[in-house]
């Protein structure tokens, strides 16, 4: 079969012929119906190397946003049938630690027990077939959601969903959520906020095309990024600021904007990988502002994301946009 493989760090992937995978005991092979291209794949190709400290590396087949149909069941696998449409939960942990047993394999406490997941050290879905090392990583698709539409939801949908979900308690009808960066994850974050909360949503970006997309996704207000953005957001919120700030860029500039626009006792969640940092001192942030990072999401949350997709509440924009500055 054909597979798009990353053969070395800091190199372009190559489309090569490889042997079809054969499932062993407890394994499953799926026929790939959709494999999303994530911005993280660009990091893998162009930025990472042995100094990144990852417990895995090339060569491997790319593609960590995957869905398809069950092709072959290995000995002992139950609960799935050949031809069944499924989505792949991307992060693969050890399966035995406390976090993995809860479905939080992103934060596996035995990271050396396996690779990062299919497409992350282990062969992924940018191929005709994909070997799944354990059926727990497969989630049956709900009626109304096809594999092509489901694939990007496994990351581009799940990552912002997790970030929003952890702040649900602060997203009441009187609250404001601020989305910084309306790109691949940010436009999904707006949809998640509108589908699961009653909070007002403010979107910030440098690009008018992105702000137009934010409106299409349900943003209540749009603000052009810049030196006056935080003041404008405070004016929109009666001087209080945003209860929840979701930074899908993660640069020095966006983090400064997020901190300046945040409300006391709010949340500032860093999702983007632009490499920025935020100064922390007693008076540098609003009182009791919680600042945290997140990585991907949990297996139970993916089930919820797929249900939202099946109901037409989450969709991935096909609009071609330049990356945020």
C-alpha atoms as a PDB file:
ATOM      1  CA  UNK A   1       0.000   0.000   0.000  1.00  0.00           C
ATOM      2  CA  UNK A   2       1.026   3.651  -0.295  1.00  0.00           C
ATOM      3  CA  UNK A   3       1.962   5.642   2.808  1.00  0.00           C
ATOM      4  CA  UNK A   4       3.216   9.176   3.435  1.00  0.00           C
ATOM      5  CA  UNK A   5       6.177   8.651   5.749  1.00  0.00           C
ATOM      6  CA  UNK A   6       8.461  10.980   7.671  1.00  0.00           C
ATOM      7  CA  UNK A   7      11.835   9.263   7.341  1.00  0.00           C
ATOM      8  CA  UNK A   8      13.939  11.724   9.349  1.00  0.00           C
ATOM      9  CA  UNK A   9      13.567  14.865  11.441  1.00  0.00           C
ATOM     10  CA  UNK A  10      13.638  18.169   9.532  1.00  0.00           C
ATOM     11  CA  UNK A  11      12.760  16.623   6.199  1.00  0.00           C
ATOM     12  CA  UNK A  12       9.835  16.452   3.803  1.00  0.00           C
ATOM     13  CA  UNK A  13       7.704  13.297   3.960  1.00  0.00           C
ATOM     14  CA  UNK A  14       7.906  10.765   1.149  1.00  0.00           C
ATOM     15  CA  UNK A  15       5.113   8.776  -0.485  1.00  0.00           C
ATOM     16  CA  UNK A  16       6.377   5.195  -0.521  1.00  0.00           C
ATOM     17  CA  UNK A  17       5.128   1.633  -0.898  1.00  0.00           C
ATOM     18  CA  UNK A  18       4.985  -0.409   2.310  1.00  0.00           C
ATOM     19  CA  UNK A  19       3.564  -3.778   3.312  1.00  0.00           C
ATOM     20  CA  UNK A  20      -0.098  -3.939   4.292  1.00  0.00           C
ATOM     21  CA  UNK A  21      -0.417  -4.156   8.083  1.00  0.00           C
ATOM     22  CA  UNK A  22      -1.613  -7.428   9.589  1.00  0.00           C
ATOM     23  CA  UNK A  23      -3.323  -7.286  12.999  1.00  0.00           C
ATOM     24  CA  UNK A  24      -1.956  -9.402  15.811  1.00  0.00           C
ATOM     25  CA  UNK A  25      -3.898 -10.514  18.885  1.00  0.00           C
ATOM     26  CA  UNK A  26      -5.996  -7.648  20.236  1.00  0.00           C
ATOM     27  CA  UNK A  27      -5.276  -5.378  17.246  1.00  0.00           C
ATOM     28  CA  UNK A  28      -7.414  -3.945  14.442  1.00  0.00           C
ATOM     29  CA  UNK A  29      -6.700  -2.740  10.919  1.00  0.00           C
ATOM     30  CA  UNK A  30      -8.905   0.010   9.503  1.00  0.00           C
ATOM     31  CA  UNK A  31      -9.289   1.166   5.913  1.00  0.00           C
ATOM     32  CA  UNK A  32      -8.641   4.884   6.116  1.00  0.00           C
ATOM     33  CA  UNK A  33     -11.513   7.091   5.005  1.00  0.00           C
ATOM     34  CA  UNK A  34     -10.123  10.410   6.197  1.00  0.00           C
ATOM     35  CA  UNK A  35      -6.774  11.633   7.523  1.00  0.00           C
ATOM     36  CA  UNK A  36      -6.516  15.256   8.597  1.00  0.00           C
ATOM     37  CA  UNK A  37      -3.464  17.416   7.943  1.00  0.00           C
ATOM     38  CA  UNK A  38      -2.635  19.159  11.219  1.00  0.00           C
ATOM     39  CA  UNK A  39      -0.340  22.120  11.797  1.00  0.00           C
ATOM     40  CA  UNK A  40       1.505  19.851  14.220  1.00  0.00           C
ATOM     41  CA  UNK A  41       2.622  17.826  11.199  1.00  0.00           C
ATOM     42  CA  UNK A  42       4.532  20.906  10.019  1.00  0.00           C
ATOM     43  CA  UNK A  43       6.239  21.099  13.417  1.00  0.00           C
ATOM     44  CA  UNK A  44       7.214  17.433  13.047  1.00  0.00           C
ATOM     45  CA  UNK A  45       8.623  17.966   9.572  1.00  0.00           C
ATOM     46  CA  UNK A  46      10.379  21.296   9.988  1.00  0.00           C
ATOM     47  CA  UNK A  47      11.156  21.997  13.645  1.00  0.00           C
ATOM     48  CA  UNK A  48      11.521  18.877  15.777  1.00  0.00           C
ATOM     49  CA  UNK A  49      14.727  16.879  16.150  1.00  0.00           C
ATOM     50  CA  UNK A  50      16.413  14.708  18.762  1.00  0.00           C
ATOM     51  CA  UNK A  51      16.681  17.720  21.095  1.00  0.00           C
ATOM     52  CA  UNK A  52      12.871  17.898  21.394  1.00  0.00           C
ATOM     53  CA  UNK A  53      13.042  15.269  24.141  1.00  0.00           C
ATOM     54  CA  UNK A  54      10.346  13.042  22.668  1.00  0.00           C
ATOM     55  CA  UNK A  55      10.516   9.325  23.527  1.00  0.00           C
ATOM     56  CA  UNK A  56       9.866   8.486  19.848  1.00  0.00           C
ATOM     57  CA  UNK A  57      10.968   9.621  16.413  1.00  0.00           C
ATOM     58  CA  UNK A  58      11.121   8.811  12.684  1.00  0.00           C
ATOM     59  CA  UNK A  59      10.611   6.819  10.595  1.00  0.00           C
ATOM     60  CA  UNK A  60       6.820   6.587  10.763  1.00  0.00           C
ATOM     61  CA  UNK A  61       3.734   7.240   8.647  1.00  0.00           C
ATOM     62  CA  UNK A  62       2.189  10.646   9.304  1.00  0.00           C
ATOM     63  CA  UNK A  63      -1.451  11.313  10.149  1.00  0.00           C
ATOM     64  CA  UNK A  64      -2.871  11.544  13.681  1.00  0.00           C
ATOM     65  CA  UNK A  65      -6.404  12.718  12.770  1.00  0.00           C
ATOM     66  CA  UNK A  66      -7.970   9.557  11.412  1.00  0.00           C
ATOM     67  CA  UNK A  67     -11.193   7.723  10.729  1.00  0.00           C
ATOM     68  CA  UNK A  68     -12.353   4.945   8.433  1.00  0.00           C
ATOM     69  CA  UNK A  69     -13.927   1.500   8.439  1.00  0.00           C
ATOM     70  CA  UNK A  70     -12.925  -1.651  10.283  1.00  0.00           C
ATOM     71  CA  UNK A  71     -11.029  -3.804   7.774  1.00  0.00           C
ATOM     72  CA  UNK A  72      -9.627  -6.740   9.752  1.00  0.00           C
ATOM     73  CA  UNK A  73      -9.992  -7.880  13.361  1.00  0.00           C
ATOM     74  CA  UNK A  74      -7.107  -9.551  15.131  1.00  0.00           C
ATOM     75  CA  UNK A  75      -7.630 -12.612  17.322  1.00  0.00           C
ATOM     76  CA  UNK A  76      -9.570 -11.887  20.495  1.00  0.00           C
ATOM     77  CA  UNK A  77     -11.079  -8.553  19.410  1.00  0.00           C
ATOM     78  CA  UNK A  78     -14.761  -8.163  20.268  1.00  0.00           C
ATOM     79  CA  UNK A  79     -17.250  -5.317  20.112  1.00  0.00           C
ATOM     80  CA  UNK A  80     -16.402  -4.298  16.527  1.00  0.00           C
ATOM     81  CA  UNK A  81     -17.518  -5.644  13.174  1.00  0.00           C
ATOM     82  CA  UNK A  82     -15.875  -5.522   9.761  1.00  0.00           C
ATOM     83  CA  UNK A  83     -17.131  -2.537   7.762  1.00  0.00           C
ATOM     84  CA  UNK A  84     -18.099  -0.525  10.835  1.00  0.00           C
ATOM     85  CA  UNK A  85     -17.262   3.225  10.549  1.00  0.00           C
ATOM     86  CA  UNK A  86     -14.973   4.372  13.353  1.00  0.00           C
ATOM     87  CA  UNK A  87     -12.880   7.333  14.479  1.00  0.00           C
ATOM     88  CA  UNK A  88      -9.399   6.890  15.930  1.00  0.00           C
ATOM     89  CA  UNK A  89      -8.566   8.411  19.309  1.00  0.00           C
ATOM     90  CA  UNK A  90      -5.130   9.788  18.531  1.00  0.00           C
ATOM     91  CA  UNK A  91      -2.999   9.794  21.708  1.00  0.00           C
ATOM     92  CA  UNK A  92      -1.990   6.272  22.698  1.00  0.00           C
ATOM     93  CA  UNK A  93      -0.803   5.771  26.252  1.00  0.00           C
ATOM     94  CA  UNK A  94       0.184   2.685  28.188  1.00  0.00           C
ATOM     95  CA  UNK A  95      -3.452   1.782  28.889  1.00  0.00           C
ATOM     96  CA  UNK A  96      -2.759   0.775  32.478  1.00  0.00           C
ATOM     97  CA  UNK A  97      -1.871   3.909  34.475  1.00  0.00           C
ATOM     98  CA  UNK A  98      -4.562   5.856  36.345  1.00  0.00           C
ATOM     99  CA  UNK A  99      -4.865   8.518  33.653  1.00  0.00           C
ATOM    100  CA  UNK A 100      -5.160   6.017  30.807  1.00  0.00           C
ATOM    101  CA  UNK A 101      -7.819   4.029  32.644  1.00  0.00           C
ATOM    102  CA  UNK A 102      -9.872   7.228  32.794  1.00  0.00           C
ATOM    103  CA  UNK A 103      -9.414   7.790  29.055  1.00  0.00           C
ATOM    104  CA  UNK A 104      -6.936  10.651  29.541  1.00  0.00           C
ATOM    105  CA  UNK A 105      -4.185   9.070  27.467  1.00  0.00           C
ATOM    106  CA  UNK A 106      -2.781  12.475  26.549  1.00  0.00           C
ATOM    107  CA  UNK A 107      -1.347  12.601  30.050  1.00  0.00           C
ATOM    108  CA  UNK A 108      -0.183   8.990  30.286  1.00  0.00           C
ATOM    109  CA  UNK A 109       2.216   8.632  33.210  1.00  0.00           C
ATOM    110  CA  UNK A 110       4.235   5.890  31.480  1.00  0.00           C
ATOM    111  CA  UNK A 111       5.185   7.692  28.230  1.00  0.00           C
ATOM    112  CA  UNK A 112       8.044   5.286  27.509  1.00  0.00           C
ATOM    113  CA  UNK A 113       5.613   2.353  27.347  1.00  0.00           C
ATOM    114  CA  UNK A 114       4.487   3.285  23.836  1.00  0.00           C
ATOM    115  CA  UNK A 115       4.890   5.890  21.122  1.00  0.00           C
ATOM    116  CA  UNK A 116       2.903   9.102  21.118  1.00  0.00           C
ATOM    117  CA  UNK A 117       0.188   7.528  18.980  1.00  0.00           C
ATOM    118  CA  UNK A 118      -0.677   6.717  15.405  1.00  0.00           C
ATOM    119  CA  UNK A 119       1.056   9.356  13.296  1.00  0.00           C
ATOM    120  CA  UNK A 120       3.224  10.352  16.258  1.00  0.00           C
ATOM    121  CA  UNK A 121       6.039   7.840  16.372  1.00  0.00           C
ATOM    122  CA  UNK A 122       3.761   4.965  15.354  1.00  0.00           C
ATOM    123  CA  UNK A 123       2.458   4.572  11.807  1.00  0.00           C
ATOM    124  CA  UNK A 124      -0.543   6.840  11.285  1.00  0.00           C
ATOM    125  CA  UNK A 125      -3.393   7.277   8.864  1.00  0.00           C
ATOM    126  CA  UNK A 126      -1.843   8.956   5.821  1.00  0.00           C
ATOM    127  CA  UNK A 127      -1.951   5.555   4.168  1.00  0.00           C
ATOM    128  CA  UNK A 128      -4.544   3.226   2.718  1.00  0.00           C
ATOM    129  CA  UNK A 129      -4.641   1.060   5.851  1.00  0.00           C
ATOM    130  CA  UNK A 130      -3.783   1.743   9.486  1.00  0.00           C
ATOM    131  CA  UNK A 131      -2.919  -0.666  12.286  1.00  0.00           C
ATOM    132  CA  UNK A 132      -4.631   0.157  15.600  1.00  0.00           C
ATOM    133  CA  UNK A 133      -2.757  -1.372  18.517  1.00  0.00           C
ATOM    134  CA  UNK A 134      -5.818  -1.634  20.794  1.00  0.00           C
ATOM    135  CA  UNK A 135      -9.570  -1.451  20.053  1.00  0.00           C
ATOM    136  CA  UNK A 136     -10.014   1.050  22.896  1.00  0.00           C
ATOM    137  CA  UNK A 137      -8.626   3.651  20.479  1.00  0.00           C
ATOM    138  CA  UNK A 138     -11.588   3.182  18.120  1.00  0.00           C
ATOM    139  CA  UNK A 139     -14.896   4.982  18.659  1.00  0.00           C
ATOM    140  CA  UNK A 140     -17.889   3.979  16.519  1.00  0.00           C
ATOM    141  CA  UNK A 141     -19.197   6.903  14.494  1.00  0.00           C
ATOM    142  CA  UNK A 142     -22.721   8.052  15.338  1.00  0.00           C
ATOM    143  CA  UNK A 143     -25.359   8.034  12.621  1.00  0.00           C
ATOM    144  CA  UNK A 144     -25.097  11.075  10.382  1.00  0.00           C
ATOM    145  CA  UNK A 145     -21.303  11.446  10.527  1.00  0.00           C
ATOM    146  CA  UNK A 146     -19.117  10.015   7.769  1.00  0.00           C
ATOM    147  CA  UNK A 147     -15.387   9.197   8.143  1.00  0.00           C
ATOM    148  CA  UNK A 148     -14.232  12.082   5.937  1.00  0.00           C
ATOM    149  CA  UNK A 149     -16.019  14.634   8.133  1.00  0.00           C
ATOM    150  CA  UNK A 150     -15.066  12.855  11.356  1.00  0.00           C
ATOM    151  CA  UNK A 151     -11.301  12.701  10.822  1.00  0.00           C
ATOM    152  CA  UNK A 152     -10.389  16.329  11.648  1.00  0.00           C
ATOM    153  CA  UNK A 153     -12.760  16.328  14.608  1.00  0.00           C
ATOM    154  CA  UNK A 154     -10.437  13.861  16.361  1.00  0.00           C
ATOM    155  CA  UNK A 155      -7.932  16.692  16.939  1.00  0.00           C
ATOM    156  CA  UNK A 156      -9.085  20.008  15.457  1.00  0.00           C
ATOM    157  CA  UNK A 157     -12.433  19.424  17.170  1.00  0.00           C
ATOM    158  CA  UNK A 158     -11.268  17.599  20.293  1.00  0.00           C
ATOM    159  CA  UNK A 159      -8.478  19.990  21.277  1.00  0.00           C
ATOM    160  CA  UNK A 160     -10.640  23.133  21.553  1.00  0.00           C
ATOM    161  CA  UNK A 161     -13.504  21.087  23.020  1.00  0.00           C
ATOM    162  CA  UNK A 162     -11.279  19.979  25.897  1.00  0.00           C
ATOM    163  CA  UNK A 163     -10.072  23.540  26.454  1.00  0.00           C
ATOM    164  CA  UNK A 164     -13.637  24.881  26.552  1.00  0.00           C
ATOM    165  CA  UNK A 165     -15.054  22.007  28.595  1.00  0.00           C
ATOM    166  CA  UNK A 166     -12.619  22.470  31.473  1.00  0.00           C
ATOM    167  CA  UNK A 167     -13.951  26.046  31.882  1.00  0.00           C
ATOM    168  CA  UNK A 168     -17.670  25.270  31.561  1.00  0.00           C
ATOM    169  CA  UNK A 169     -18.319  26.405  35.150  1.00  0.00           C
ATOM    170  CA  UNK A 170     -17.180  29.929  34.213  1.00  0.00           C
ATOM    171  CA  UNK A 171     -19.207  30.148  30.984  1.00  0.00           C
ATOM    172  CA  UNK A 172     -22.663  31.178  32.167  1.00  0.00           C
ATOM    173  CA  UNK A 173     -25.107  33.346  30.154  1.00  0.00           C
ATOM    174  CA  UNK A 174     -23.601  36.450  31.794  1.00  0.00           C
ATOM    175  CA  UNK A 175     -20.026  35.448  30.885  1.00  0.00           C
ATOM    176  CA  UNK A 176     -17.756  36.336  27.999  1.00  0.00           C
ATOM    177  CA  UNK A 177     -15.357  33.979  26.242  1.00  0.00           C
ATOM    178  CA  UNK A 178     -12.455  35.376  24.235  1.00  0.00           C
ATOM    179  CA  UNK A 179     -11.033  33.355  21.331  1.00  0.00           C
ATOM    180  CA  UNK A 180      -7.636  34.574  20.137  1.00  0.00           C
ATOM    181  CA  UNK A 181      -6.655  33.246  16.711  1.00  0.00           C
ATOM    182  CA  UNK A 182      -9.415  32.101  14.349  1.00  0.00           C
ATOM    183  CA  UNK A 183      -7.464  29.410  12.504  1.00  0.00           C
ATOM    184  CA  UNK A 184      -7.882  25.650  12.295  1.00  0.00           C
ATOM    185  CA  UNK A 185      -8.521  25.267  16.030  1.00  0.00           C
ATOM    186  CA  UNK A 186      -9.873  28.702  16.823  1.00  0.00           C
ATOM    187  CA  UNK A 187     -12.831  28.546  14.444  1.00  0.00           C
ATOM    188  CA  UNK A 188     -13.739  25.189  15.981  1.00  0.00           C
ATOM    189  CA  UNK A 189     -13.407  26.691  19.462  1.00  0.00           C
ATOM    190  CA  UNK A 190     -16.009  29.310  18.597  1.00  0.00           C
ATOM    191  CA  UNK A 191     -18.408  26.604  17.429  1.00  0.00           C
ATOM    192  CA  UNK A 192     -17.839  24.570  20.597  1.00  0.00           C
ATOM    193  CA  UNK A 193     -18.554  27.614  22.742  1.00  0.00           C
ATOM    194  CA  UNK A 194     -21.780  28.366  20.881  1.00  0.00           C
ATOM    195  CA  UNK A 195     -22.897  24.719  20.919  1.00  0.00           C
ATOM    196  CA  UNK A 196     -22.199  23.985  24.579  1.00  0.00           C
ATOM    197  CA  UNK A 197     -22.464  27.300  26.477  1.00  0.00           C
ATOM    198  CA  UNK A 198     -24.575  30.450  26.583  1.00  0.00           C
ATOM    199  CA  UNK A 199     -21.581  32.784  26.939  1.00  0.00           C
ATOM    200  CA  UNK A 200     -20.959  35.727  24.624  1.00  0.00           C
ATOM    201  CA  UNK A 201     -18.043  35.046  22.297  1.00  0.00           C
ATOM    202  CA  UNK A 202     -15.468  37.622  21.217  1.00  0.00           C
ATOM    203  CA  UNK A 203     -12.993  36.683  18.484  1.00  0.00           C
ATOM    204  CA  UNK A 204      -9.612  38.341  17.894  1.00  0.00           C
ATOM    205  CA  UNK A 205      -7.381  37.971  14.852  1.00  0.00           C
ATOM    206  CA  UNK A 206      -5.116  40.050  12.621  1.00  0.00           C
ATOM    207  CA  UNK A 207      -6.895  39.007   9.419  1.00  0.00           C
ATOM    208  CA  UNK A 208     -10.245  40.269   8.224  1.00  0.00           C
ATOM    209  CA  UNK A 209     -10.860  36.953   6.467  1.00  0.00           C
ATOM    210  CA  UNK A 210     -10.456  35.162   9.787  1.00  0.00           C
ATOM    211  CA  UNK A 211     -12.807  37.583  11.537  1.00  0.00           C
ATOM    212  CA  UNK A 212     -15.380  37.019   8.802  1.00  0.00           C
ATOM    213  CA  UNK A 213     -15.052  33.296   9.447  1.00  0.00           C
ATOM    214  CA  UNK A 214     -15.493  33.916  13.179  1.00  0.00           C
ATOM    215  CA  UNK A 215     -18.818  35.614  12.477  1.00  0.00           C
ATOM    216  CA  UNK A 216     -19.887  32.678  10.319  1.00  0.00           C
ATOM    217  CA  UNK A 217     -19.045  30.338  13.211  1.00  0.00           C
ATOM    218  CA  UNK A 218     -21.189  32.338  15.625  1.00  0.00           C
ATOM    219  CA  UNK A 219     -18.925  34.925  17.261  1.00  0.00           C
ATOM    220  CA  UNK A 220     -20.926  37.773  18.795  1.00  0.00           C
ATOM    221  CA  UNK A 221     -18.156  40.340  18.407  1.00  0.00           C
ATOM    222  CA  UNK A 222     -14.948  40.548  16.389  1.00  0.00           C
ATOM    223  CA  UNK A 223     -11.905  42.614  17.307  1.00  0.00           C
ATOM    224  CA  UNK A 224      -8.822  43.278  15.200  1.00  0.00           C
ATOM    225  CA  UNK A 225      -5.643  42.286  17.025  1.00  0.00           C
ATOM    226  CA  UNK A 226      -3.348  45.111  18.040  1.00  0.00           C
ATOM    227  CA  UNK A 227      -2.353  47.453  20.832  1.00  0.00           C
ATOM    228  CA  UNK A 228      -5.922  48.561  21.538  1.00  0.00           C
ATOM    229  CA  UNK A 229      -7.583  45.136  21.355  1.00  0.00           C
ATOM    230  CA  UNK A 230      -7.637  44.503  25.121  1.00  0.00           C
ATOM    231  CA  UNK A 231      -9.194  47.922  25.788  1.00  0.00           C
ATOM    232  CA  UNK A 232     -11.846  47.273  23.160  1.00  0.00           C
ATOM    233  CA  UNK A 233     -12.677  43.909  24.729  1.00  0.00           C
ATOM    234  CA  UNK A 234     -13.026  45.522  28.148  1.00  0.00           C
ATOM    235  CA  UNK A 235     -15.392  48.102  26.674  1.00  0.00           C
ATOM    236  CA  UNK A 236     -17.488  45.309  25.162  1.00  0.00           C
ATOM    237  CA  UNK A 237     -17.718  43.656  28.599  1.00  0.00           C
ATOM    238  CA  UNK A 238     -18.568  46.755  30.617  1.00  0.00           C
ATOM    239  CA  UNK A 239     -15.015  46.975  31.941  1.00  0.00           C
ATOM    240  CA  UNK A 240     -14.997  43.490  33.492  1.00  0.00           C
ATOM    241  CA  UNK A 241     -12.983  41.593  30.890  1.00  0.00           C
ATOM    242  CA  UNK A 242     -13.351  38.058  29.542  1.00  0.00           C
ATOM    243  CA  UNK A 243     -14.191  35.268  31.991  1.00  0.00           C
ATOM    244  CA  UNK A 244     -12.438  32.689  29.797  1.00  0.00           C
ATOM    245  CA  UNK A 245      -9.607  33.424  27.370  1.00  0.00           C
ATOM    246  CA  UNK A 246      -8.620  30.735  24.861  1.00  0.00           C
ATOM    247  CA  UNK A 247      -5.334  31.542  23.120  1.00  0.00           C
ATOM    248  CA  UNK A 248      -5.057  29.422  19.991  1.00  0.00           C
ATOM    249  CA  UNK A 249      -1.869  31.210  18.880  1.00  0.00           C
ATOM    250  CA  UNK A 250       0.359  31.314  21.946  1.00  0.00           C
ATOM    251  CA  UNK A 251       2.749  34.133  20.989  1.00  0.00           C
ATOM    252  CA  UNK A 252       4.089  36.795  23.332  1.00  0.00           C
ATOM    253  CA  UNK A 253       1.674  39.304  21.801  1.00  0.00           C
ATOM    254  CA  UNK A 254      -1.429  37.119  22.080  1.00  0.00           C
ATOM    255  CA  UNK A 255      -0.650  36.101  25.639  1.00  0.00           C
ATOM    256  CA  UNK A 256      -0.249  39.764  26.596  1.00  0.00           C
ATOM    257  CA  UNK A 257      -3.589  40.552  24.988  1.00  0.00           C
ATOM    258  CA  UNK A 258      -5.253  37.645  26.756  1.00  0.00           C
ATOM    259  CA  UNK A 259      -3.887  38.614  30.155  1.00  0.00           C
ATOM    260  CA  UNK A 260      -4.820  42.283  29.671  1.00  0.00           C
ATOM    261  CA  UNK A 261      -8.359  41.372  28.604  1.00  0.00           C
ATOM    262  CA  UNK A 262      -9.024  38.728  31.270  1.00  0.00           C
ATOM    263  CA  UNK A 263     -11.391  39.157  34.190  1.00  0.00           C
ATOM    264  CA  UNK A 264     -10.449  38.565  37.811  1.00  0.00           C
ATOM    265  CA  UNK A 265     -11.016  34.925  38.795  1.00  0.00           C
ATOM    266  CA  UNK A 266     -11.122  33.955  35.131  1.00  0.00           C
ATOM    267  CA  UNK A 267      -9.280  31.354  33.077  1.00  0.00           C
ATOM    268  CA  UNK A 268      -6.536  31.932  30.514  1.00  0.00           C
ATOM    269  CA  UNK A 269      -5.886  28.733  28.577  1.00  0.00           C
ATOM    270  CA  UNK A 270      -2.900  28.392  26.268  1.00  0.00           C
ATOM    271  CA  UNK A 271      -3.562  26.070  23.329  1.00  0.00           C
ATOM    272  CA  UNK A 272      -1.345  27.428  20.533  1.00  0.00           C
ATOM    273  CA  UNK A 273       2.283  26.461  19.997  1.00  0.00           C
ATOM    274  CA  UNK A 274       3.817  29.766  18.902  1.00  0.00           C
ATOM    275  CA  UNK A 275       6.293  29.606  21.794  1.00  0.00           C
ATOM    276  CA  UNK A 276       5.373  32.774  23.661  1.00  0.00           C
ATOM    277  CA  UNK A 277       5.658  33.302  27.398  1.00  0.00           C
ATOM    278  CA  UNK A 278       3.841  35.309  30.024  1.00  0.00           C
ATOM    279  CA  UNK A 279       5.408  37.196  32.922  1.00  0.00           C
ATOM    280  CA  UNK A 280       3.996  36.183  36.296  1.00  0.00           C
ATOM    281  CA  UNK A 281       4.122  38.341  39.384  1.00  0.00           C
ATOM    282  CA  UNK A 282       1.648  39.428  42.025  1.00  0.00           C
ATOM    283  CA  UNK A 283       0.494  42.482  40.082  1.00  0.00           C
ATOM    284  CA  UNK A 284       1.091  41.306  36.481  1.00  0.00           C
ATOM    285  CA  UNK A 285      -2.186  39.386  36.125  1.00  0.00           C
ATOM    286  CA  UNK A 286      -5.768  39.946  37.281  1.00  0.00           C
ATOM    287  CA  UNK A 287      -6.309  38.544  40.771  1.00  0.00           C
ATOM    288  CA  UNK A 288      -6.968  34.796  40.852  1.00  0.00           C
ATOM    289  CA  UNK A 289      -6.633  34.429  37.103  1.00  0.00           C
ATOM    290  CA  UNK A 290      -5.906  30.760  36.423  1.00  0.00           C
ATOM    291  CA  UNK A 291      -3.362  30.215  33.643  1.00  0.00           C
ATOM    292  CA  UNK A 292      -3.003  26.745  32.159  1.00  0.00           C
ATOM    293  CA  UNK A 293      -1.963  24.860  29.078  1.00  0.00           C
ATOM    294  CA  UNK A 294      -3.854  21.954  27.528  1.00  0.00           C
ATOM    295  CA  UNK A 295      -2.937  19.135  25.182  1.00  0.00           C
ATOM    296  CA  UNK A 296      -5.498  17.423  22.944  1.00  0.00           C
ATOM    297  CA  UNK A 297      -8.414  15.848  24.877  1.00  0.00           C
ATOM    298  CA  UNK A 298      -9.793  12.689  26.438  1.00  0.00           C
ATOM    299  CA  UNK A 299     -11.366   9.615  24.882  1.00  0.00           C
ATOM    300  CA  UNK A 300     -14.809  10.264  26.506  1.00  0.00           C
ATOM    301  CA  UNK A 301     -14.669  13.842  25.211  1.00  0.00           C
ATOM    302  CA  UNK A 302     -14.075  12.583  21.665  1.00  0.00           C
ATOM    303  CA  UNK A 303     -17.344  10.652  21.877  1.00  0.00           C
ATOM    304  CA  UNK A 304     -19.079  13.934  22.746  1.00  0.00           C
ATOM    305  CA  UNK A 305     -17.333  15.805  19.913  1.00  0.00           C
ATOM    306  CA  UNK A 306     -18.414  13.207  17.369  1.00  0.00           C
ATOM    307  CA  UNK A 307     -22.002  13.523  18.564  1.00  0.00           C
ATOM    308  CA  UNK A 308     -21.854  17.293  18.061  1.00  0.00           C
ATOM    309  CA  UNK A 309     -20.494  16.681  14.573  1.00  0.00           C
ATOM    310  CA  UNK A 310     -23.255  14.221  13.758  1.00  0.00           C
ATOM    311  CA  UNK A 311     -25.850  16.817  14.802  1.00  0.00           C
ATOM    312  CA  UNK A 312     -24.314  19.435  12.523  1.00  0.00           C
ATOM    313  CA  UNK A 313     -23.084  21.614  15.381  1.00  0.00           C
ATOM    314  CA  UNK A 314     -19.381  21.285  14.497  1.00  0.00           C
ATOM    315  CA  UNK A 315     -17.951  21.591  11.010  1.00  0.00           C
ATOM    316  CA  UNK A 316     -14.449  22.141   9.685  1.00  0.00           C
ATOM    317  CA  UNK A 317     -13.956  25.161   7.461  1.00  0.00           C
ATOM    318  CA  UNK A 318     -12.417  24.462   4.056  1.00  0.00           C
ATOM    319  CA  UNK A 319     -11.417  28.111   3.560  1.00  0.00           C
ATOM    320  CA  UNK A 320      -7.776  28.574   2.598  1.00  0.00           C
ATOM    321  CA  UNK A 321      -6.157  31.044   4.971  1.00  0.00           C
ATOM    322  CA  UNK A 322      -2.624  32.222   5.593  1.00  0.00           C
ATOM    323  CA  UNK A 323      -1.247  31.276   9.020  1.00  0.00           C
ATOM    324  CA  UNK A 324      -1.609  33.920  11.748  1.00  0.00           C
ATOM    325  CA  UNK A 325       1.343  36.232  12.259  1.00  0.00           C
END
